[in-house]
């Protein structure tokens, strides 16, 4: 008989959603004295927080449970704080990338801009939209801290996990800056290996650590994990975080829009410098590189031009090389987990399953 699904078995999605809904209801009362207009901020956040895979919440939850910690409403609320943190990152990331869609609906800054335009308010609609979305992201950062610190877990457990929680919040901002800096500096003077190395650094600090390693360690530290256990879980989380983000980058080019919630090839239109692109530039010839660079980053890229890019990436071996990286990183995560002491059988099995869930070829 297969092991219970590590997200569905504890009804994690439903319980995390309930915790988020309760937090949002509370925050609406806090903001109520400012007037009805402020409700639009919370509405956009609530829309973003509806649904999703809840992977970050799952890693905190199973980091705690794998050390023998008990399931509880307090643990669920602590886990839900990771989803608020993710929402903040997405709101800010969509502004920086000037993205149009997120999870199948207009991004928050586009919705705020449309409202500004519809009401013919003063100033530039896009500027208003960006400002409002940034403020919504800042609210999520504030609420993330509140949800974790007042989760109801024993104070000594919250204190034990706080160093990891604070490092996560700080390092993500540094990782976002590295991503912006990388785009500004360009890759023209870099070789194949240097491009890959830069990609992996951005992946680690912009996404990988806060998606897997840090939520996992927050849960494990709260449950009293020792040094050897933390070292093993960190190695697992760093490897899986890399595999997870590289898979997400592949889906950004080849994913089904019905599953990803974004137009096909949107990452190509945004000009994202990913491992997939680094491999293509390194493995293709000069003409291949010239073709790809001429199309990469064009907002008006047609479906036919997206198809040209896709064919090129496959023909030069970039997709194969990228898939090999995902497999190698997933295998490294499993090997690290096998060597990690102090885990319950149930927790270890859940973390094994989360490798497959995090690197699946469909969302």
Protein backbone atom coordinates (compact mmCIF):
# COMPACT_ATOMS: atom_id res chain seq x y z
CA UNK A 1 0.00 0.00 0.00
CA UNK A 2 1.44 3.43 -0.94
CA UNK A 3 2.35 5.82 1.87
CA UNK A 4 -0.16 8.61 2.63
CA UNK A 5 0.31 11.76 0.59
CA UNK A 6 2.38 14.18 2.74
CA UNK A 7 0.12 17.12 1.93
CA UNK A 8 -3.28 15.50 1.56
CA UNK A 9 -3.08 12.99 4.43
CA UNK A 10 -3.06 15.62 7.20
CA UNK A 11 -5.54 17.73 5.13
CA UNK A 12 -2.78 20.30 5.02
CA UNK A 13 -4.16 22.39 2.18
CA UNK A 14 -7.59 22.79 3.75
CA UNK A 15 -6.29 23.48 7.25
CA UNK A 16 -3.69 25.99 6.08
CA UNK A 17 -6.37 27.75 4.02
CA UNK A 18 -8.61 27.92 7.09
CA UNK A 19 -5.76 29.42 9.12
CA UNK A 20 -5.04 31.99 6.41
CA UNK A 21 -8.72 32.90 6.12
CA UNK A 22 -8.91 33.44 9.87
CA UNK A 23 -5.81 35.64 9.81
CA UNK A 24 -7.17 37.70 6.91
CA UNK A 25 -10.49 38.16 8.69
CA UNK A 26 -8.62 39.47 11.71
CA UNK A 27 -6.50 41.82 9.62
CA UNK A 28 -9.63 43.22 7.96
CA UNK A 29 -10.84 44.29 11.41
CA UNK A 30 -7.46 45.92 12.12
CA UNK A 31 -7.72 47.91 8.89
CA UNK A 32 -11.46 48.64 9.16
CA UNK A 33 -10.98 52.01 10.86
CA UNK A 34 -9.12 53.26 7.76
CA UNK A 35 -12.29 52.95 5.68
CA UNK A 36 -13.73 50.65 3.03
CA UNK A 37 -11.20 51.59 0.35
CA UNK A 38 -8.38 49.75 2.11
CA UNK A 39 -10.32 46.50 1.76
CA UNK A 40 -9.10 46.28 -1.85
CA UNK A 41 -5.58 45.61 -0.54
CA UNK A 42 -6.80 42.66 1.50
CA UNK A 43 -8.98 41.41 -1.35
CA UNK A 44 -5.96 41.10 -3.65
CA UNK A 45 -3.94 39.32 -0.99
CA UNK A 46 -6.84 36.96 -0.26
CA UNK A 47 -7.15 36.10 -3.96
CA UNK A 48 -3.45 35.29 -4.16
CA UNK A 49 -3.63 33.16 -1.01
CA UNK A 50 -6.50 31.03 -2.33
CA UNK A 51 -5.31 27.64 -3.57
CA UNK A 52 -1.75 26.66 -4.36
CA UNK A 53 0.34 23.55 -3.62
CA UNK A 54 1.26 24.68 -0.05
CA UNK A 55 4.75 23.20 -0.41
CA UNK A 56 6.40 25.70 1.91
CA UNK A 57 3.83 25.07 4.60
CA UNK A 58 4.35 21.34 4.06
CA UNK A 59 8.10 21.58 4.59
CA UNK A 60 7.69 23.45 7.88
CA UNK A 61 4.98 21.02 8.99
CA UNK A 62 7.00 17.89 8.18
CA UNK A 63 10.22 19.38 9.53
CA UNK A 64 8.42 19.60 12.85
CA UNK A 65 6.62 16.24 12.62
CA UNK A 66 9.77 14.41 11.46
CA UNK A 67 11.38 15.25 14.81
CA UNK A 68 8.44 13.76 16.70
CA UNK A 69 6.45 16.99 17.11
CA UNK A 70 2.69 16.57 17.35
CA UNK A 71 0.13 17.75 14.83
CA UNK A 72 -1.86 20.70 16.18
CA UNK A 73 -3.75 23.83 15.11
CA UNK A 74 -0.77 25.82 16.40
CA UNK A 75 1.59 23.98 14.07
CA UNK A 76 -0.76 24.60 11.14
CA UNK A 77 -0.82 28.33 11.90
CA UNK A 78 2.96 28.42 12.08
CA UNK A 79 3.09 26.59 8.74
CA UNK A 80 0.61 29.06 7.23
CA UNK A 81 3.09 31.87 7.89
CA UNK A 82 5.23 30.42 5.07
CA UNK A 83 2.36 31.00 2.65
CA UNK A 84 2.13 34.65 3.71
CA UNK A 85 5.86 34.98 3.13
CA UNK A 86 5.47 33.39 -0.30
CA UNK A 87 2.66 35.82 -1.12
CA UNK A 88 4.91 38.77 -0.27
CA UNK A 89 7.64 37.40 -2.52
CA UNK A 90 5.21 36.85 -5.41
CA UNK A 91 3.65 40.31 -5.12
CA UNK A 92 7.05 41.98 -5.23
CA UNK A 93 8.44 39.62 -7.86
CA UNK A 94 5.53 40.30 -10.22
CA UNK A 95 6.18 44.03 -9.97
CA UNK A 96 9.90 43.58 -10.69
CA UNK A 97 9.20 41.24 -13.62
CA UNK A 98 6.24 43.33 -14.84
CA UNK A 99 4.22 40.11 -15.07
CA UNK A 100 0.65 40.12 -16.35
CA UNK A 101 -0.70 36.88 -14.88
CA UNK A 102 -0.26 34.89 -11.69
CA UNK A 103 -2.15 31.63 -11.10
CA UNK A 104 -4.46 32.29 -14.01
CA UNK A 105 -5.59 35.77 -12.99
CA UNK A 106 -4.20 39.29 -13.49
CA UNK A 107 -1.33 40.10 -11.16
CA UNK A 108 -2.08 42.46 -8.29
CA UNK A 109 -0.28 45.44 -9.79
CA UNK A 110 -2.28 45.02 -13.02
CA UNK A 111 -5.55 44.83 -11.07
CA UNK A 112 -4.73 47.94 -9.06
CA UNK A 113 -3.70 49.77 -12.24
CA UNK A 114 -6.95 48.77 -13.96
CA UNK A 115 -8.96 50.10 -11.01
CA UNK A 116 -7.05 53.40 -11.19
CA UNK A 117 -7.74 53.68 -14.92
CA UNK A 118 -11.41 52.73 -14.55
CA UNK A 119 -12.00 55.49 -12.00
CA UNK A 120 -9.91 58.05 -13.90
CA UNK A 121 -7.88 58.92 -10.81
CA UNK A 122 -5.01 61.38 -10.99
CA UNK A 123 -1.52 60.25 -11.94
CA UNK A 124 -0.22 57.22 -13.86
CA UNK A 125 -2.19 53.99 -13.54
CA UNK A 126 0.88 51.74 -13.74
CA UNK A 127 2.70 53.72 -11.08
CA UNK A 128 -0.32 53.45 -8.78
CA UNK A 129 -0.56 49.72 -9.45
CA UNK A 130 3.10 49.15 -8.60
CA UNK A 131 2.85 51.16 -5.39
CA UNK A 132 -0.28 49.35 -4.23
CA UNK A 133 1.17 45.90 -4.97
CA UNK A 134 4.37 46.71 -3.09
CA UNK A 135 2.31 47.80 -0.10
CA UNK A 136 0.27 44.59 -0.29
CA UNK A 137 3.54 42.63 -0.27
CA UNK A 138 4.73 44.59 2.75
CA UNK A 139 1.51 43.75 4.56
CA UNK A 140 2.14 40.05 3.87
CA UNK A 141 5.64 40.36 5.34
CA UNK A 142 4.19 41.91 8.48
CA UNK A 143 1.44 39.30 8.75
CA UNK A 144 3.91 36.48 8.16
CA UNK A 145 5.86 37.54 11.23
CA UNK A 146 2.69 37.89 13.27
CA UNK A 147 1.32 34.47 12.24
CA UNK A 148 4.54 32.75 13.20
CA UNK A 149 5.27 34.56 16.44
CA UNK A 150 1.68 34.24 17.73
CA UNK A 151 1.03 30.77 16.30
CA UNK A 152 0.55 29.30 19.75
CA UNK A 153 3.54 26.98 19.61
CA UNK A 154 5.41 26.98 22.94
CA UNK A 155 7.50 30.18 23.30
CA UNK A 156 10.72 28.22 23.63
CA UNK A 157 10.00 26.50 20.29
CA UNK A 158 9.29 29.80 18.53
CA UNK A 159 12.51 31.21 19.97
CA UNK A 160 14.51 28.17 18.84
CA UNK A 161 13.24 28.58 15.28
CA UNK A 162 13.45 32.36 15.16
CA UNK A 163 17.07 32.56 13.97
CA UNK A 164 16.16 30.55 10.85
CA UNK A 165 12.94 32.50 10.34
CA UNK A 166 14.80 35.82 10.44
CA UNK A 167 17.59 34.56 8.17
CA UNK A 168 14.98 33.48 5.62
CA UNK A 169 13.34 36.90 5.55
CA UNK A 170 16.67 38.67 5.15
CA UNK A 171 18.28 36.34 2.62
CA UNK A 172 15.32 36.36 0.26
CA UNK A 173 15.65 40.13 -0.17
CA UNK A 174 19.35 39.70 -0.90
CA UNK A 175 18.51 36.97 -3.39
CA UNK A 176 15.98 39.19 -5.15
CA UNK A 177 18.64 41.87 -5.44
CA UNK A 178 21.10 39.36 -6.91
CA UNK A 179 18.49 38.50 -9.55
CA UNK A 180 17.96 42.16 -10.45
CA UNK A 181 21.71 42.77 -10.48
CA UNK A 182 22.33 39.72 -12.68
CA UNK A 183 19.84 41.00 -15.25
CA UNK A 184 21.42 44.47 -15.21
CA UNK A 185 25.01 43.26 -15.52
CA UNK A 186 24.25 40.82 -18.34
CA UNK A 187 26.00 37.63 -19.37
CA UNK A 188 27.99 38.86 -22.34
CA UNK A 189 31.38 38.64 -20.63
CA UNK A 190 30.69 35.31 -18.90
CA UNK A 191 31.59 31.81 -20.00
CA UNK A 192 29.35 28.73 -19.86
CA UNK A 193 30.44 27.61 -16.38
CA UNK A 194 30.23 31.15 -14.99
CA UNK A 195 26.68 31.55 -16.27
CA UNK A 196 25.63 28.30 -14.65
CA UNK A 197 27.33 29.26 -11.40
CA UNK A 198 25.59 32.62 -11.33
CA UNK A 199 22.23 30.97 -12.07
CA UNK A 200 22.68 28.53 -9.22
CA UNK A 201 23.58 31.30 -6.78
CA UNK A 202 20.45 33.27 -7.67
CA UNK A 203 18.34 30.09 -7.51
CA UNK A 204 19.63 29.28 -4.03
CA UNK A 205 18.97 32.66 -2.45
CA UNK A 206 16.00 33.91 -4.45
CA UNK A 207 13.96 30.73 -4.29
CA UNK A 208 15.56 27.46 -3.24
CA UNK A 209 16.33 28.24 0.39
CA UNK A 210 13.01 29.86 1.28
CA UNK A 211 11.02 27.28 -0.67
CA UNK A 212 12.48 24.16 0.95
CA UNK A 213 15.49 24.37 3.26
CA UNK A 214 14.49 27.23 5.52
CA UNK A 215 10.83 26.23 6.15
CA UNK A 216 12.09 22.70 6.85
CA UNK A 217 14.72 23.93 9.29
CA UNK A 218 12.26 26.29 10.99
CA UNK A 219 10.02 23.31 11.73
CA UNK A 220 12.92 21.10 12.77
CA UNK A 221 14.48 23.72 15.06
CA UNK A 222 11.13 24.34 16.72
CA UNK A 223 10.87 20.60 17.43
CA UNK A 224 14.35 20.49 18.98
CA UNK A 225 16.53 19.04 16.20
CA UNK A 226 20.17 18.47 17.03
CA UNK A 227 23.18 19.61 15.00
CA UNK A 228 23.62 16.44 12.95
CA UNK A 229 19.95 16.34 12.05
CA UNK A 230 19.95 20.02 11.03
CA UNK A 231 23.06 19.47 8.89
CA UNK A 232 21.42 16.57 7.06
CA UNK A 233 18.13 18.38 6.55
CA UNK A 234 19.97 21.45 5.29
CA UNK A 235 21.79 19.38 2.64
CA UNK A 236 18.49 17.77 1.64
CA UNK A 237 16.75 21.15 1.47
CA UNK A 238 19.44 22.94 -0.51
CA UNK A 239 19.60 20.19 -3.14
CA UNK A 240 15.83 19.87 -3.41
CA UNK A 241 15.38 23.64 -3.49
CA UNK A 242 17.66 23.81 -6.52
CA UNK A 243 15.82 20.98 -8.27
CA UNK A 244 12.47 22.61 -7.46
CA UNK A 245 13.41 25.98 -8.94
CA UNK A 246 15.04 24.52 -12.05
CA UNK A 247 11.86 22.50 -12.65
CA UNK A 248 9.85 25.70 -12.25
CA UNK A 249 12.07 27.37 -14.86
CA UNK A 250 11.45 24.51 -17.30
CA UNK A 251 7.70 24.82 -16.70
CA UNK A 252 8.05 28.55 -17.39
CA UNK A 253 8.94 27.63 -20.99
CA UNK A 254 7.20 24.30 -21.55
CA UNK A 255 4.42 24.21 -18.95
CA UNK A 256 0.72 24.00 -19.73
CA UNK A 257 -0.82 27.45 -19.12
CA UNK A 258 -3.89 25.75 -17.61
CA UNK A 259 -1.61 24.25 -14.97
CA UNK A 260 0.95 27.03 -14.49
CA UNK A 261 -1.51 29.93 -14.59
CA UNK A 262 0.82 31.88 -16.90
CA UNK A 263 0.98 32.17 -20.71
CA UNK A 264 3.15 29.59 -22.46
CA UNK A 265 6.71 30.85 -22.79
CA UNK A 266 6.19 33.79 -20.45
CA UNK A 267 9.67 33.38 -18.97
CA UNK A 268 11.11 33.86 -22.46
CA UNK A 269 9.16 37.10 -22.87
CA UNK A 270 10.44 38.29 -19.50
CA UNK A 271 14.00 37.45 -20.56
CA UNK A 272 14.76 35.34 -17.49
CA UNK A 273 18.37 34.14 -17.33
CA UNK A 274 17.80 30.56 -16.24
CA UNK A 275 19.80 27.34 -16.22
CA UNK A 276 17.92 26.36 -19.38
CA UNK A 277 19.14 29.49 -21.17
CA UNK A 278 22.68 29.11 -19.79
CA UNK A 279 22.85 25.58 -21.21
CA UNK A 280 21.48 26.72 -24.58
CA UNK A 281 24.08 29.48 -24.92
CA UNK A 282 26.84 27.09 -23.87
CA UNK A 283 25.85 24.11 -26.00
CA UNK A 284 24.62 25.83 -29.16
CA UNK A 285 26.72 27.44 -31.88
CA UNK A 286 27.06 31.18 -32.51
CA UNK A 287 23.99 31.28 -34.74
CA UNK A 288 21.90 29.49 -32.12
CA UNK A 289 23.04 31.97 -29.47
CA UNK A 290 22.31 34.93 -31.74
CA UNK A 291 18.82 33.61 -32.51
CA UNK A 292 17.99 32.99 -28.87
CA UNK A 293 19.34 36.32 -27.62
CA UNK A 294 17.45 38.20 -30.35
CA UNK A 295 14.16 36.73 -29.13
CA UNK A 296 14.78 36.52 -25.37
CA UNK A 297 13.18 39.34 -23.38
CA UNK A 298 10.79 40.56 -26.08
CA UNK A 299 7.39 41.28 -24.48
CA UNK A 300 5.70 40.92 -27.87
CA UNK A 301 7.12 37.44 -28.53
CA UNK A 302 4.55 35.55 -30.60
CA UNK A 303 3.52 31.93 -30.06
CA UNK A 304 5.43 31.05 -33.23
CA UNK A 305 8.59 32.68 -31.88
CA UNK A 306 8.13 30.88 -28.57
CA UNK A 307 8.01 27.65 -30.59
CA UNK A 308 11.28 28.61 -32.31
CA UNK A 309 12.93 29.07 -28.91
CA UNK A 310 11.55 25.80 -27.60
CA UNK A 311 12.79 23.89 -30.64
CA UNK A 312 16.23 25.48 -30.30
CA UNK A 313 16.48 24.61 -26.60
CA UNK A 314 15.66 20.99 -27.34
CA UNK A 315 17.86 20.70 -30.45
CA UNK A 316 21.05 21.97 -28.80
CA UNK A 317 20.57 19.70 -25.78
CA UNK A 318 19.70 22.40 -23.22
CA UNK A 319 16.52 20.64 -22.09
CA UNK A 320 18.33 17.32 -21.67
CA UNK A 321 21.17 18.97 -19.68
CA UNK A 322 18.67 20.78 -17.48
CA UNK A 323 16.68 17.62 -16.79
CA UNK A 324 19.94 15.89 -15.83
CA UNK A 325 20.60 18.67 -13.30
CA UNK A 326 17.13 18.22 -11.80
CA UNK A 327 17.64 14.47 -11.49
CA UNK A 328 21.10 14.88 -9.95
CA UNK A 329 19.86 17.42 -7.40
CA UNK A 330 16.84 15.26 -6.47
CA UNK A 331 19.13 12.25 -6.04
CA UNK A 332 21.45 14.33 -3.85
CA UNK A 333 18.49 15.35 -1.70
CA UNK A 334 17.45 11.71 -1.23
CA UNK A 335 21.02 10.68 -0.38
CA UNK A 336 21.31 13.45 2.21
CA UNK A 337 17.99 12.46 3.72
CA UNK A 338 19.06 8.82 3.98
CA UNK A 339 22.07 9.92 6.04
CA UNK A 340 20.10 12.25 8.32
CA UNK A 341 19.71 10.89 11.85
CA UNK A 342 16.93 11.44 14.35
CA UNK A 343 13.87 11.39 12.04
CA UNK A 344 10.65 9.48 12.58
CA UNK A 345 9.75 6.88 9.95
CA UNK A 346 6.61 8.82 9.06
CA UNK A 347 8.50 12.08 8.69
CA UNK A 348 11.28 10.54 6.63
CA UNK A 349 8.78 8.95 4.25
CA UNK A 350 6.92 12.23 3.85
CA UNK A 351 10.16 14.03 2.98
CA UNK A 352 10.98 11.32 0.43
CA UNK A 353 7.61 11.85 -1.23
CA UNK A 354 8.04 15.61 -1.23
CA UNK A 355 11.07 15.18 -3.50
CA UNK A 356 8.86 13.72 -6.20
CA UNK A 357 6.09 16.26 -5.64
CA UNK A 358 8.54 19.20 -5.81
CA UNK A 359 10.21 18.07 -9.04
CA UNK A 360 7.22 16.67 -10.97
CA UNK A 361 7.10 17.52 -14.66
CA UNK A 362 3.58 18.93 -14.30
CA UNK A 363 2.39 21.48 -11.73
